[in-house]
Protein backbone atom coordinates (compact mmCIF):
# COMPACT_ATOMS: atom_id res chain seq x y z
CA MET A 1 6.23 -2.73 19.91
CA ALA A 2 2.63 -0.16 18.73
CA GLN A 3 1.49 1.51 16.20
CA PHE A 4 3.01 5.04 15.24
CA ASP A 5 6.12 4.45 17.41
CA LEU A 6 9.23 5.85 16.22
CA TYR A 7 12.28 3.77 16.10
CA GLU A 8 16.55 4.82 15.69
CA TYR A 9 17.81 3.48 12.51
CA ALA A 10 21.12 1.97 12.66
CA GLY A 11 20.99 0.83 8.91
CA PRO A 12 23.60 1.52 5.57
CA ASN A 13 21.79 4.97 4.66
CA ARG A 14 22.39 7.92 6.37
CA SER A 15 19.83 9.74 5.36
CA VAL A 16 17.50 7.62 6.85
CA ALA A 17 17.16 8.73 10.71
CA TYR A 18 14.46 7.14 12.24
CA LEU A 19 11.77 4.49 11.09
CA LEU A 20 7.60 4.69 11.85
CA ASP A 21 5.97 1.97 12.45
CA VAL A 22 2.65 1.25 10.20
CA GLN A 23 1.22 -1.73 11.61
CA SER A 24 -1.66 -2.23 13.53
CA ASP A 25 -1.51 -3.53 16.59
CA LEU A 26 -4.28 -5.92 15.91
CA LEU A 27 -0.40 -7.51 14.15
CA ARG A 28 0.97 -7.23 16.73
CA ASP A 29 1.61 -11.38 17.15
CA LEU A 30 3.77 -10.95 14.05
CA THR A 31 7.67 -11.58 13.43
CA SER A 32 8.05 -8.13 11.16
CA ARG A 33 6.55 -4.77 10.91
CA VAL A 34 6.10 -2.35 7.91
CA VAL A 35 7.93 0.41 8.95
CA VAL A 36 8.19 3.73 7.06
CA PRO A 37 11.40 5.86 6.69
CA LEU A 38 11.23 9.58 8.29
CA VAL A 39 14.69 11.24 6.32
CA GLN A 40 15.27 15.00 7.66
CA LEU A 41 14.49 17.71 5.27
CA ASP A 42 17.44 18.40 4.79
CA GLU A 43 18.59 15.60 3.18
CA PHE A 44 15.53 14.71 1.38
CA GLY A 45 14.28 17.65 -1.25
CA LEU A 46 10.78 19.20 -1.63
CA PRO A 47 7.82 17.25 0.14
CA MET A 48 4.24 16.57 -1.70
CA LYS A 49 2.57 17.99 1.68
CA LYS A 50 0.40 14.56 1.70
CA LEU A 51 2.33 11.99 0.75
CA ASN A 52 4.90 13.42 3.07
CA PRO A 53 4.08 14.83 6.18
CA VAL A 54 6.86 16.39 7.98
CA PHE A 55 7.90 15.98 11.97
CA SER A 56 10.07 17.76 14.06
CA ILE A 57 11.41 15.74 16.72
CA ASP A 58 13.83 16.99 18.95
CA GLY A 59 14.15 20.39 17.23
CA VAL A 60 14.52 18.68 13.47
CA ASP A 61 12.31 18.78 10.87
CA HIS A 62 12.00 14.77 9.02
CA VAL A 63 9.94 13.74 6.10
CA MET A 64 7.99 10.84 5.78
CA ALA A 65 9.62 8.57 3.18
CA THR A 66 5.66 7.17 2.52
CA SER A 67 6.57 5.53 -0.90
CA GLU A 68 9.66 4.04 0.47
CA ILE A 69 7.85 1.56 2.69
CA ALA A 70 8.74 -1.70 3.82
CA GLY A 71 8.28 -4.42 5.62
CA ALA A 72 11.43 -5.01 8.19
CA PRO A 73 11.64 -8.16 10.64
CA GLY A 74 10.83 -6.60 14.38
CA LYS A 75 14.10 -7.45 15.93
CA THR A 76 15.64 -5.76 13.54
CA LEU A 77 14.50 -2.24 14.79
CA GLY A 78 16.33 0.46 17.04
CA ARG A 79 15.53 1.36 20.13
CA ARG A 80 12.00 3.16 20.60
CA VAL A 81 12.45 6.90 21.04
CA GLY A 82 9.46 7.84 20.97
CA SER A 83 5.58 7.84 19.47
CA LEU A 84 3.69 10.09 16.61
CA GLU A 85 0.61 9.03 17.39
CA THR A 86 -0.86 12.55 18.23
CA ARG A 87 -0.49 12.88 13.98
CA ARG A 88 -2.36 9.90 13.10
CA HIS A 89 -4.59 11.41 10.99
CA ASP A 90 -1.71 12.72 9.27
CA ILE A 91 -0.04 9.69 8.58
CA LYS A 92 -2.82 7.73 7.95
CA ALA A 93 -3.89 10.14 4.71
CA ALA A 94 -0.38 9.93 3.69
CA LEU A 95 -0.94 5.62 3.04
CA ASP A 96 -4.48 5.91 1.78
CA PHE A 97 -2.98 8.99 -0.69
CA LEU A 98 0.17 6.50 -1.24
CA VAL A 99 -2.42 3.73 -2.21
CA ASP A 100 -5.82 5.41 -3.59
CA GLY A 101 -4.30 8.75 -5.19
CA TYR A 102 -6.92 10.57 -3.12
């Protein structure tokens, strides 16, 4: 598990497609991970530009539902399907906006 890894979500909330791991790799030995759900754009509504970056995954747009950030036991994460490391700046900006408001 690494920061910005993307996992399939198989939980009960059908609007969530993926979980994005946003926890620092320095804390990889913890049994839990901090994750943000990614929701298909057509299920989400109008995203706030800075709070809710949009990522195209397999040709489908998904919104980072930053305000839904949560902790999850690492063993409950689904199959790793990729990484959004290349969008690090957008992800961190959304997290900063959530916490600091700018």
